[in-house]
Amino acid sequence: MNHQNIILIGMAATGKSTLGRRLARRLGWAFVDTDLLMEAWWGAPLQQIRDHLGLEAFVQAEAQQIQRVHLSQCVIATGGSVVYSEAAMAHLRGQGHIVYIQSSFETISHRLTNPTSRGLAIGPGQTLKDLYDERAPLYARYAQLTVDTDGATPDQSCSAIILGLSRTTQDEP
C-alpha cells in the first residue's frame, strides 16, 4: 500500500472512529477525526457548534475544516456531512483513498440512541431514515472502496479495508 492517507466516510455510528483508530494502529500511521478537529477549532462540542451555526453554515464550516487538512500516512475519519461539499470531497480524493464505511439503517438507528446530541447535520422535519437515504448514494459516489460492517468485527472490517485497498492500488496506473 502506498503512503497516502485512508479517508473513512459514512453515516454517524458506522464505526469510522473505532475502525480508524484500529486501522491506524495496524498500519503504524496516525489517526485524525475531523469531528474532533472541528471541536478543537471552535472550542465547543459538535452539537453546540451545529446549534450555534445552523445547518447550512455547519456543513460549510465542516467542508472548510476538511480543506485545511494536509496530512500523510494518516487514517482520517470524517464527519458524515462532508459528502455535501464537492470541493471537500475533491480535496480528500487528492489526499488519499476514500473508503465508505457502510452499515444498514437498522444498525445505525440501533447504535444512535440519541441522534440529536451527536451534532448530526439533519434538517428540520428530516428523520434519521431520510438522512440515511439522502446520503447513501453520495457516499457510494465518492468512495473508491465500500466496506459493509454489518455483522463484522472491527478487526474483520480493518482487514477488509486493507485487502480492498491493496487490490484497488494494484489496479492504478
N, C-alpha and C. Protein backbone atom coordinates (compact mmCIF):
# COMPACT_ATOMS: atom_id res chain seq x y z
N MET A 1 0.85 -1.18 0.00
CA MET A 1 0.00 0.00 0.00
C MET A 1 0.89 1.24 0.00
N ASN A 2 0.56 2.20 -0.87
CA ASN A 2 1.39 3.40 -0.91
C ASN A 2 1.15 4.26 0.32
N HIS A 3 1.86 5.35 0.40
CA HIS A 3 1.85 6.13 1.64
C HIS A 3 0.95 7.35 1.59
N GLN A 4 -0.21 7.21 0.97
CA GLN A 4 -1.22 8.25 1.05
C GLN A 4 -2.04 8.01 2.30
N ASN A 5 -3.04 8.82 2.46
CA ASN A 5 -3.96 8.66 3.59
C ASN A 5 -5.09 7.71 3.21
N ILE A 6 -5.76 7.22 4.24
CA ILE A 6 -7.01 6.48 4.07
C ILE A 6 -8.09 7.32 4.72
N ILE A 7 -9.10 7.68 3.95
CA ILE A 7 -10.16 8.55 4.42
C ILE A 7 -11.44 7.73 4.55
N LEU A 8 -12.01 7.74 5.76
CA LEU A 8 -13.23 6.98 6.04
C LEU A 8 -14.43 7.92 6.00
N ILE A 9 -15.41 7.59 5.17
CA ILE A 9 -16.65 8.36 5.10
C ILE A 9 -17.81 7.43 5.44
N GLY A 10 -18.92 8.03 5.86
CA GLY A 10 -20.10 7.25 6.18
C GLY A 10 -20.94 7.95 7.22
N MET A 11 -22.09 7.39 7.48
CA MET A 11 -23.01 7.94 8.48
C MET A 11 -22.40 7.88 9.88
N ALA A 12 -22.94 8.69 10.76
CA ALA A 12 -22.61 8.59 12.18
C ALA A 12 -22.97 7.18 12.64
N ALA A 13 -22.21 6.66 13.58
CA ALA A 13 -22.47 5.37 14.23
C ALA A 13 -22.17 4.17 13.33
N THR A 14 -21.41 4.37 12.27
CA THR A 14 -20.99 3.23 11.44
C THR A 14 -19.67 2.65 11.94
N GLY A 15 -18.99 3.37 12.83
CA GLY A 15 -17.73 2.88 13.37
C GLY A 15 -16.50 3.49 12.74
N LYS A 16 -16.65 4.64 12.09
CA LYS A 16 -15.50 5.27 11.43
C LYS A 16 -14.36 5.55 12.41
N SER A 17 -14.66 6.09 13.56
CA SER A 17 -13.61 6.42 14.53
C SER A 17 -12.99 5.16 15.13
N THR A 18 -13.82 4.21 15.48
CA THR A 18 -13.32 2.94 16.04
C THR A 18 -12.43 2.24 15.02
N LEU A 19 -12.91 2.11 13.80
CA LEU A 19 -12.12 1.46 12.75
C LEU A 19 -10.88 2.28 12.42
N GLY A 20 -11.03 3.59 12.40
CA GLY A 20 -9.89 4.45 12.08
C GLY A 20 -8.74 4.27 13.05
N ARG A 21 -9.06 4.24 14.33
CA ARG A 21 -8.01 4.04 15.35
C ARG A 21 -7.32 2.69 15.17
N ARG A 22 -8.12 1.65 15.00
CA ARG A 22 -7.56 0.30 14.83
C ARG A 22 -6.73 0.18 13.56
N LEU A 23 -7.25 0.72 12.50
CA LEU A 23 -6.56 0.66 11.22
C LEU A 23 -5.23 1.41 11.29
N ALA A 24 -5.25 2.59 11.89
CA ALA A 24 -4.02 3.37 12.05
C ALA A 24 -2.99 2.60 12.86
N ARG A 25 -3.45 1.97 13.93
CA ARG A 25 -2.54 1.17 14.76
C ARG A 25 -1.92 0.03 13.94
N ARG A 26 -2.74 -0.66 13.18
CA ARG A 26 -2.24 -1.78 12.36
C ARG A 26 -1.23 -1.32 11.32
N LEU A 27 -1.44 -0.14 10.75
CA LEU A 27 -0.56 0.36 9.71
C LEU A 27 0.64 1.13 10.25
N GLY A 28 0.61 1.47 11.55
CA GLY A 28 1.66 2.30 12.12
C GLY A 28 1.53 3.75 11.67
N TRP A 29 0.30 4.17 11.38
CA TRP A 29 0.01 5.52 10.93
C TRP A 29 -0.65 6.31 12.06
N ALA A 30 -0.83 7.61 11.84
CA ALA A 30 -1.57 8.45 12.78
C ALA A 30 -3.06 8.36 12.47
N PHE A 31 -3.88 8.76 13.44
CA PHE A 31 -5.33 8.80 13.26
C PHE A 31 -5.82 10.21 13.52
N VAL A 32 -6.70 10.70 12.65
CA VAL A 32 -7.29 12.02 12.80
C VAL A 32 -8.80 11.89 12.62
N ASP A 33 -9.55 12.47 13.54
CA ASP A 33 -11.01 12.51 13.46
C ASP A 33 -11.40 13.97 13.20
N THR A 34 -11.99 14.25 12.04
CA THR A 34 -12.29 15.64 11.71
C THR A 34 -13.37 16.24 12.60
N ASP A 35 -14.21 15.41 13.22
CA ASP A 35 -15.16 15.94 14.20
C ASP A 35 -14.40 16.54 15.39
N LEU A 36 -13.33 15.88 15.81
CA LEU A 36 -12.53 16.41 16.91
C LEU A 36 -11.77 17.66 16.49
N LEU A 37 -11.34 17.72 15.23
CA LEU A 37 -10.71 18.95 14.72
C LEU A 37 -11.70 20.10 14.76
N MET A 38 -12.95 19.84 14.38
CA MET A 38 -13.99 20.87 14.44
C MET A 38 -14.17 21.37 15.87
N GLU A 39 -14.25 20.42 16.80
CA GLU A 39 -14.43 20.80 18.21
C GLU A 39 -13.24 21.62 18.72
N ALA A 40 -12.03 21.23 18.33
CA ALA A 40 -10.85 21.98 18.76
C ALA A 40 -10.83 23.38 18.14
N TRP A 41 -11.17 23.47 16.87
CA TRP A 41 -11.17 24.74 16.16
C TRP A 41 -12.18 25.72 16.77
N TRP A 42 -13.37 25.21 17.08
CA TRP A 42 -14.45 26.05 17.58
C TRP A 42 -14.49 26.12 19.11
N GLY A 43 -13.78 25.23 19.78
CA GLY A 43 -13.75 25.24 21.24
C GLY A 43 -15.07 24.84 21.87
N ALA A 44 -15.80 23.94 21.22
CA ALA A 44 -17.10 23.52 21.73
C ALA A 44 -17.43 22.13 21.19
N PRO A 45 -18.34 21.42 21.88
CA PRO A 45 -18.79 20.12 21.35
C PRO A 45 -19.51 20.30 20.01
N LEU A 46 -19.48 19.29 19.20
CA LEU A 46 -20.04 19.33 17.86
C LEU A 46 -21.50 19.78 17.85
N GLN A 47 -22.31 19.27 18.77
CA GLN A 47 -23.73 19.64 18.79
C GLN A 47 -23.90 21.13 19.07
N GLN A 48 -23.08 21.69 19.95
CA GLN A 48 -23.17 23.13 20.22
C GLN A 48 -22.78 23.95 18.99
N ILE A 49 -21.77 23.48 18.27
CA ILE A 49 -21.36 24.16 17.04
C ILE A 49 -22.50 24.13 16.04
N ARG A 50 -23.10 22.97 15.88
CA ARG A 50 -24.21 22.79 14.95
C ARG A 50 -25.39 23.69 15.33
N ASP A 51 -25.71 23.72 16.62
CA ASP A 51 -26.82 24.55 17.11
C ASP A 51 -26.53 26.04 16.90
N HIS A 52 -25.28 26.44 17.15
CA HIS A 52 -24.89 27.84 17.03
C HIS A 52 -24.88 28.32 15.57
N LEU A 53 -24.34 27.50 14.68
CA LEU A 53 -24.18 27.91 13.29
C LEU A 53 -25.43 27.71 12.44
N GLY A 54 -26.24 26.73 12.79
CA GLY A 54 -27.32 26.34 11.90
C GLY A 54 -26.80 25.32 10.90
N LEU A 55 -27.72 24.66 10.24
CA LEU A 55 -27.37 23.53 9.37
C LEU A 55 -26.44 23.90 8.22
N GLU A 56 -26.82 24.88 7.42
CA GLU A 56 -26.01 25.21 6.23
C GLU A 56 -24.62 25.71 6.60
N ALA A 57 -24.54 26.59 7.57
CA ALA A 57 -23.23 27.12 7.97
C ALA A 57 -22.37 26.03 8.61
N PHE A 58 -23.01 25.09 9.32
CA PHE A 58 -22.27 23.97 9.91
C PHE A 58 -21.64 23.11 8.81
N VAL A 59 -22.42 22.79 7.79
CA VAL A 59 -21.91 21.98 6.68
C VAL A 59 -20.76 22.71 5.98
N GLN A 60 -20.89 24.02 5.79
CA GLN A 60 -19.82 24.81 5.18
C GLN A 60 -18.57 24.83 6.06
N ALA A 61 -18.77 24.98 7.37
CA ALA A 61 -17.62 25.00 8.30
C ALA A 61 -16.90 23.67 8.28
N GLU A 62 -17.66 22.58 8.22
CA GLU A 62 -17.05 21.25 8.16
C GLU A 62 -16.23 21.11 6.88
N ALA A 63 -16.78 21.56 5.77
CA ALA A 63 -16.07 21.48 4.48
C ALA A 63 -14.79 22.31 4.52
N GLN A 64 -14.86 23.50 5.11
CA GLN A 64 -13.66 24.34 5.23
C GLN A 64 -12.61 23.68 6.11
N GLN A 65 -13.05 23.05 7.19
CA GLN A 65 -12.11 22.36 8.08
C GLN A 65 -11.42 21.23 7.33
N ILE A 66 -12.17 20.47 6.56
CA ILE A 66 -11.62 19.36 5.78
C ILE A 66 -10.56 19.89 4.81
N GLN A 67 -10.84 21.01 4.17
CA GLN A 67 -9.92 21.54 3.16
C GLN A 67 -8.64 22.10 3.77
N ARG A 68 -8.60 22.26 5.08
CA ARG A 68 -7.36 22.68 5.77
C ARG A 68 -6.47 21.49 6.10
N VAL A 69 -6.98 20.29 5.91
CA VAL A 69 -6.24 19.08 6.28
C VAL A 69 -5.28 18.69 5.16
N HIS A 70 -4.00 18.68 5.48
CA HIS A 70 -2.95 18.24 4.56
C HIS A 70 -2.05 17.30 5.35
N LEU A 71 -2.26 16.01 5.21
CA LEU A 71 -1.56 15.03 6.03
C LEU A 71 -0.97 13.93 5.16
N SER A 72 -0.15 13.11 5.78
CA SER A 72 0.43 11.96 5.09
C SER A 72 0.49 10.80 6.06
N GLN A 73 0.23 9.63 5.57
CA GLN A 73 0.22 8.40 6.37
C GLN A 73 -0.71 8.53 7.58
N CYS A 74 -1.92 8.95 7.31
CA CYS A 74 -2.95 9.08 8.35
C CYS A 74 -4.21 8.35 7.91
N VAL A 75 -4.91 7.85 8.90
CA VAL A 75 -6.27 7.38 8.69
C VAL A 75 -7.15 8.51 9.19
N ILE A 76 -8.03 9.00 8.33
CA ILE A 76 -8.84 10.17 8.64
C ILE A 76 -10.31 9.76 8.66
N ALA A 77 -10.95 9.93 9.81
CA ALA A 77 -12.40 9.70 9.93
C ALA A 77 -13.08 11.05 9.76
N THR A 78 -13.99 11.15 8.81
CA THR A 78 -14.64 12.42 8.52
C THR A 78 -16.02 12.51 9.17
N GLY A 79 -16.50 13.73 9.28
CA GLY A 79 -17.88 13.94 9.68
C GLY A 79 -18.80 13.47 8.57
N GLY A 80 -19.97 13.02 8.92
CA GLY A 80 -20.88 12.42 7.94
C GLY A 80 -21.36 13.35 6.85
N SER A 81 -21.40 14.65 7.12
CA SER A 81 -21.95 15.58 6.13
C SER A 81 -20.91 16.08 5.13
N VAL A 82 -19.69 15.60 5.21
CA VAL A 82 -18.64 16.04 4.29
C VAL A 82 -19.04 15.81 2.83
N VAL A 83 -19.87 14.80 2.57
CA VAL A 83 -20.25 14.47 1.19
C VAL A 83 -21.16 15.52 0.55
N TYR A 84 -21.62 16.50 1.32
CA TYR A 84 -22.41 17.57 0.75
C TYR A 84 -21.54 18.61 0.04
N SER A 85 -20.24 18.53 0.22
CA SER A 85 -19.33 19.50 -0.39
C SER A 85 -18.45 18.83 -1.45
N GLU A 86 -18.70 19.17 -2.71
CA GLU A 86 -17.86 18.62 -3.78
C GLU A 86 -16.42 19.06 -3.62
N ALA A 87 -16.21 20.30 -3.18
CA ALA A 87 -14.84 20.81 -3.00
C ALA A 87 -14.10 20.03 -1.92
N ALA A 88 -14.77 19.77 -0.81
CA ALA A 88 -14.14 19.00 0.27
C ALA A 88 -13.83 17.58 -0.19
N MET A 89 -14.75 16.98 -0.93
CA MET A 89 -14.52 15.61 -1.40
C MET A 89 -13.40 15.56 -2.44
N ALA A 90 -13.31 16.57 -3.30
CA ALA A 90 -12.20 16.63 -4.26
C ALA A 90 -10.88 16.77 -3.52
N HIS A 91 -10.87 17.57 -2.47
CA HIS A 91 -9.66 17.73 -1.66
C HIS A 91 -9.27 16.39 -1.02
N LEU A 92 -10.24 15.70 -0.45
CA LEU A 92 -9.95 14.41 0.17
C LEU A 92 -9.46 13.40 -0.85
N ARG A 93 -10.05 13.40 -2.03
CA ARG A 93 -9.62 12.47 -3.09
C ARG A 93 -8.13 12.72 -3.40
N GLY A 94 -7.71 13.96 -3.37
CA GLY A 94 -6.30 14.29 -3.60
C GLY A 94 -5.39 13.91 -2.45
N GLN A 95 -5.99 13.65 -1.29
CA GLN A 95 -5.22 13.31 -0.09
C GLN A 95 -5.04 11.81 0.11
N GLY A 96 -5.83 11.00 -0.59
CA GLY A 96 -5.71 9.56 -0.38
C GLY A 96 -6.89 8.78 -0.91
N HIS A 97 -7.08 7.61 -0.34
CA HIS A 97 -8.11 6.67 -0.78
C HIS A 97 -9.34 6.81 0.10
N ILE A 98 -10.49 6.96 -0.53
CA ILE A 98 -11.74 7.18 0.19
C ILE A 98 -12.48 5.85 0.34
N VAL A 99 -12.78 5.51 1.59
CA VAL A 99 -13.45 4.25 1.92
C VAL A 99 -14.79 4.57 2.59
N TYR A 100 -15.85 4.04 2.01
CA TYR A 100 -17.20 4.20 2.57
C TYR A 100 -17.42 3.10 3.59
N ILE A 101 -17.58 3.48 4.84
CA ILE A 101 -17.91 2.54 5.91
C ILE A 101 -19.43 2.47 5.96
N GLN A 102 -19.95 1.37 5.45
CA GLN A 102 -21.39 1.21 5.26
C GLN A 102 -21.98 0.31 6.34
N SER A 103 -23.08 0.74 6.89
CA SER A 103 -23.88 -0.07 7.81
C SER A 103 -25.34 0.10 7.41
N SER A 104 -26.14 -0.87 7.73
CA SER A 104 -27.57 -0.77 7.43
C SER A 104 -28.21 0.31 8.29
N PHE A 105 -29.35 0.80 7.83
CA PHE A 105 -30.08 1.78 8.62
C PHE A 105 -30.44 1.21 9.99
N GLU A 106 -30.81 -0.07 10.02
CA GLU A 106 -31.19 -0.71 11.28
C GLU A 106 -30.03 -0.69 12.28
N THR A 107 -28.83 -0.97 11.81
CA THR A 107 -27.65 -0.95 12.69
C THR A 107 -27.39 0.45 13.21
N ILE A 108 -27.44 1.42 12.32
CA ILE A 108 -27.18 2.81 12.70
C ILE A 108 -28.22 3.30 13.69
N SER A 109 -29.50 3.05 13.42
CA SER A 109 -30.55 3.53 14.32
C SER A 109 -30.47 2.86 15.69
N HIS A 110 -30.01 1.62 15.72
CA HIS A 110 -29.82 0.92 16.99
C HIS A 110 -28.67 1.55 17.79
N ARG A 111 -27.59 1.91 17.11
CA ARG A 111 -26.42 2.49 17.79
C ARG A 111 -26.64 3.95 18.18
N LEU A 112 -27.41 4.68 17.40
CA LEU A 112 -27.65 6.10 17.66
C LEU A 112 -28.86 6.26 18.55
N THR A 113 -28.66 6.10 19.84
CA THR A 113 -29.79 6.18 20.76
C THR A 113 -30.33 7.60 20.89
N ASN A 114 -29.47 8.61 20.73
CA ASN A 114 -29.91 9.99 20.83
C ASN A 114 -29.27 10.82 19.72
N PRO A 115 -29.82 10.74 18.50
CA PRO A 115 -29.19 11.43 17.37
C PRO A 115 -29.11 12.95 17.52
N THR A 116 -29.98 13.54 18.34
CA THR A 116 -29.97 14.99 18.49
C THR A 116 -28.78 15.49 19.31
N SER A 117 -28.03 14.59 19.94
CA SER A 117 -26.87 15.03 20.72
C SER A 117 -25.55 14.77 19.99
N ARG A 118 -25.61 14.26 18.76
CA ARG A 118 -24.40 13.87 18.03
C ARG A 118 -23.87 14.92 17.06
N GLY A 119 -24.52 16.06 16.95
CA GLY A 119 -24.07 17.06 16.01
C GLY A 119 -24.38 16.69 14.57
N LEU A 120 -25.43 15.90 14.37
CA LEU A 120 -25.80 15.50 13.02
C LEU A 120 -26.31 16.70 12.22
N ALA A 121 -25.91 16.76 10.97
CA ALA A 121 -26.40 17.81 10.07
C ALA A 121 -27.73 17.34 9.48
N ILE A 122 -28.75 17.43 10.31
CA ILE A 122 -30.08 16.95 9.93
C ILE A 122 -31.03 18.15 9.90
N GLY A 123 -31.78 18.24 8.82
CA GLY A 123 -32.66 19.39 8.63
C GLY A 123 -33.93 19.31 9.44
N PRO A 124 -34.62 20.43 9.58
CA PRO A 124 -35.89 20.46 10.30
C PRO A 124 -36.89 19.53 9.63
N GLY A 125 -37.53 18.69 10.42
CA GLY A 125 -38.53 17.76 9.91
C GLY A 125 -37.94 16.54 9.23
N GLN A 126 -36.63 16.48 9.13
CA GLN A 126 -35.98 15.33 8.49
C GLN A 126 -35.76 14.24 9.53
N THR A 127 -36.03 13.01 9.16
CA THR A 127 -35.79 11.88 10.06
C THR A 127 -34.41 11.30 9.80
N LEU A 128 -33.96 10.46 10.71
CA LEU A 128 -32.68 9.77 10.51
C LEU A 128 -32.74 8.92 9.25
N LYS A 129 -33.87 8.30 8.99
CA LYS A 129 -34.04 7.49 7.77
C LYS A 129 -33.94 8.36 6.52
N ASP A 130 -34.54 9.55 6.57
CA ASP A 130 -34.42 10.48 5.44
C ASP A 130 -32.95 10.82 5.18
N LEU A 131 -32.24 11.10 6.26
CA LEU A 131 -30.82 11.45 6.15
C LEU A 131 -30.02 10.29 5.57
N TYR A 132 -30.28 9.10 6.06
CA TYR A 132 -29.61 7.89 5.57
C TYR A 132 -29.86 7.72 4.07
N ASP A 133 -31.12 7.82 3.67
CA ASP A 133 -31.48 7.64 2.26
C ASP A 133 -30.88 8.73 1.37
N GLU A 134 -30.75 9.92 1.90
CA GLU A 134 -30.17 11.04 1.14
C GLU A 134 -28.66 10.87 0.95
N ARG A 135 -27.99 10.41 2.01
CA ARG A 135 -26.53 10.35 1.97
C ARG A 135 -25.96 9.09 1.35
N ALA A 136 -26.64 7.96 1.47
CA ALA A 136 -26.07 6.69 0.99
C ALA A 136 -25.57 6.77 -0.45
N PRO A 137 -26.34 7.34 -1.39
CA PRO A 137 -25.81 7.42 -2.76
C PRO A 137 -24.61 8.36 -2.89
N LEU A 138 -24.54 9.38 -2.04
CA LEU A 138 -23.39 10.29 -2.07
C LEU A 138 -22.13 9.58 -1.60
N TYR A 139 -22.25 8.84 -0.51
CA TYR A 139 -21.09 8.07 -0.02
C TYR A 139 -20.61 7.10 -1.10
N ALA A 140 -21.55 6.40 -1.72
CA ALA A 140 -21.20 5.42 -2.75
C ALA A 140 -20.54 6.10 -3.95
N ARG A 141 -21.01 7.27 -4.28
CA ARG A 141 -20.46 8.02 -5.43
C ARG A 141 -19.00 8.39 -5.23
N TYR A 142 -18.65 8.81 -4.04
CA TYR A 142 -17.29 9.30 -3.78
C TYR A 142 -16.31 8.20 -3.40
N ALA A 143 -16.80 7.06 -2.99
CA ALA A 143 -15.92 6.00 -2.46
C ALA A 143 -15.17 5.26 -3.55
N GLN A 144 -13.92 4.95 -3.25
CA GLN A 144 -13.14 4.07 -4.10
C GLN A 144 -13.30 2.62 -3.64
N LEU A 145 -13.73 2.47 -2.40
CA LEU A 145 -13.95 1.16 -1.80
C LEU A 145 -15.10 1.29 -0.81
N THR A 146 -15.99 0.31 -0.79
CA THR A 146 -17.08 0.26 0.19
C THR A 146 -16.89 -0.99 1.04
N VAL A 147 -16.94 -0.80 2.36
CA VAL A 147 -16.82 -1.92 3.29
C VAL A 147 -18.07 -1.94 4.15
N ASP A 148 -18.84 -3.03 4.04
CA ASP A 148 -20.05 -3.20 4.83
C ASP A 148 -19.66 -3.80 6.18
N THR A 149 -19.95 -3.09 7.25
CA THR A 149 -19.53 -3.52 8.58
C THR A 149 -20.59 -4.31 9.33
N ASP A 150 -21.78 -4.44 8.77
CA ASP A 150 -22.83 -5.21 9.45
C ASP A 150 -22.36 -6.65 9.65
N GLY A 151 -22.41 -7.11 10.89
CA GLY A 151 -22.04 -8.48 11.21
C GLY A 151 -20.55 -8.75 11.25
N ALA A 152 -19.74 -7.73 11.03
CA ALA A 152 -18.28 -7.91 11.04
C ALA A 152 -17.70 -7.30 12.31
N THR A 153 -16.63 -7.90 12.81
CA THR A 153 -15.92 -7.32 13.95
C THR A 153 -15.07 -6.16 13.42
N PRO A 154 -14.64 -5.26 14.29
CA PRO A 154 -13.75 -4.19 13.84
C PRO A 154 -12.48 -4.73 13.17
N ASP A 155 -11.91 -5.81 13.70
CA ASP A 155 -10.71 -6.38 13.08
C ASP A 155 -11.00 -6.92 11.69
N GLN A 156 -12.16 -7.56 11.51
CA GLN A 156 -12.53 -8.06 10.19
C GLN A 156 -12.72 -6.90 9.21
N SER A 157 -13.33 -5.83 9.68
CA SER A 157 -13.55 -4.67 8.82
C SER A 157 -12.22 -4.02 8.44
N CYS A 158 -11.29 -3.93 9.39
CA CYS A 158 -9.96 -3.38 9.09
C CYS A 158 -9.25 -4.23 8.05
N SER A 159 -9.33 -5.54 8.20
CA SER A 159 -8.71 -6.44 7.22
C SER A 159 -9.34 -6.26 5.84
N ALA A 160 -10.67 -6.08 5.80
CA ALA A 160 -11.36 -5.87 4.53
C ALA A 160 -10.90 -4.57 3.87
N ILE A 161 -10.67 -3.54 4.67
CA ILE A 161 -10.18 -2.26 4.13
C ILE A 161 -8.78 -2.44 3.55
N ILE A 162 -7.89 -3.06 4.31
CA ILE A 162 -6.51 -3.25 3.85
C ILE A 162 -6.48 -4.09 2.57
N LEU A 163 -7.22 -5.19 2.56
CA LEU A 163 -7.26 -6.05 1.39
C LEU A 163 -7.87 -5.33 0.19
N GLY A 164 -8.98 -4.65 0.42
CA GLY A 164 -9.65 -3.93 -0.66
C GLY A 164 -8.79 -2.84 -1.25
N LEU A 165 -8.09 -2.10 -0.40
CA LEU A 165 -7.22 -1.03 -0.90
C LEU A 165 -6.00 -1.58 -1.61
N SER A 166 -5.48 -2.71 -1.14
CA SER A 166 -4.32 -3.29 -1.83
C SER A 166 -4.72 -3.71 -3.24
N ARG A 167 -5.93 -4.19 -3.41
CA ARG A 167 -6.42 -4.56 -4.75
C ARG A 167 -6.66 -3.31 -5.59
N THR A 168 -7.23 -2.28 -4.98
CA THR A 168 -7.51 -1.03 -5.69
C THR A 168 -6.22 -0.38 -6.16
N THR A 169 -5.21 -0.32 -5.30
CA THR A 169 -3.96 0.35 -5.67
C THR A 169 -3.17 -0.45 -6.70
N GLN A 170 -3.36 -1.77 -6.75
CA GLN A 170 -2.70 -2.57 -7.79
C GLN A 170 -3.28 -2.26 -9.16
N ASP A 171 -4.54 -1.87 -9.20
CA ASP A 171 -5.21 -1.57 -10.47
C ASP A 171 -4.89 -0.17 -10.99
N GLU A 172 -4.29 0.69 -10.13
CA GLU A 172 -3.99 2.06 -10.54
C GLU A 172 -2.77 2.07 -11.46
N PRO A 173 -2.75 3.01 -12.43
CA PRO A 173 -1.60 3.08 -13.33
C PRO A 173 -0.36 3.56 -12.62
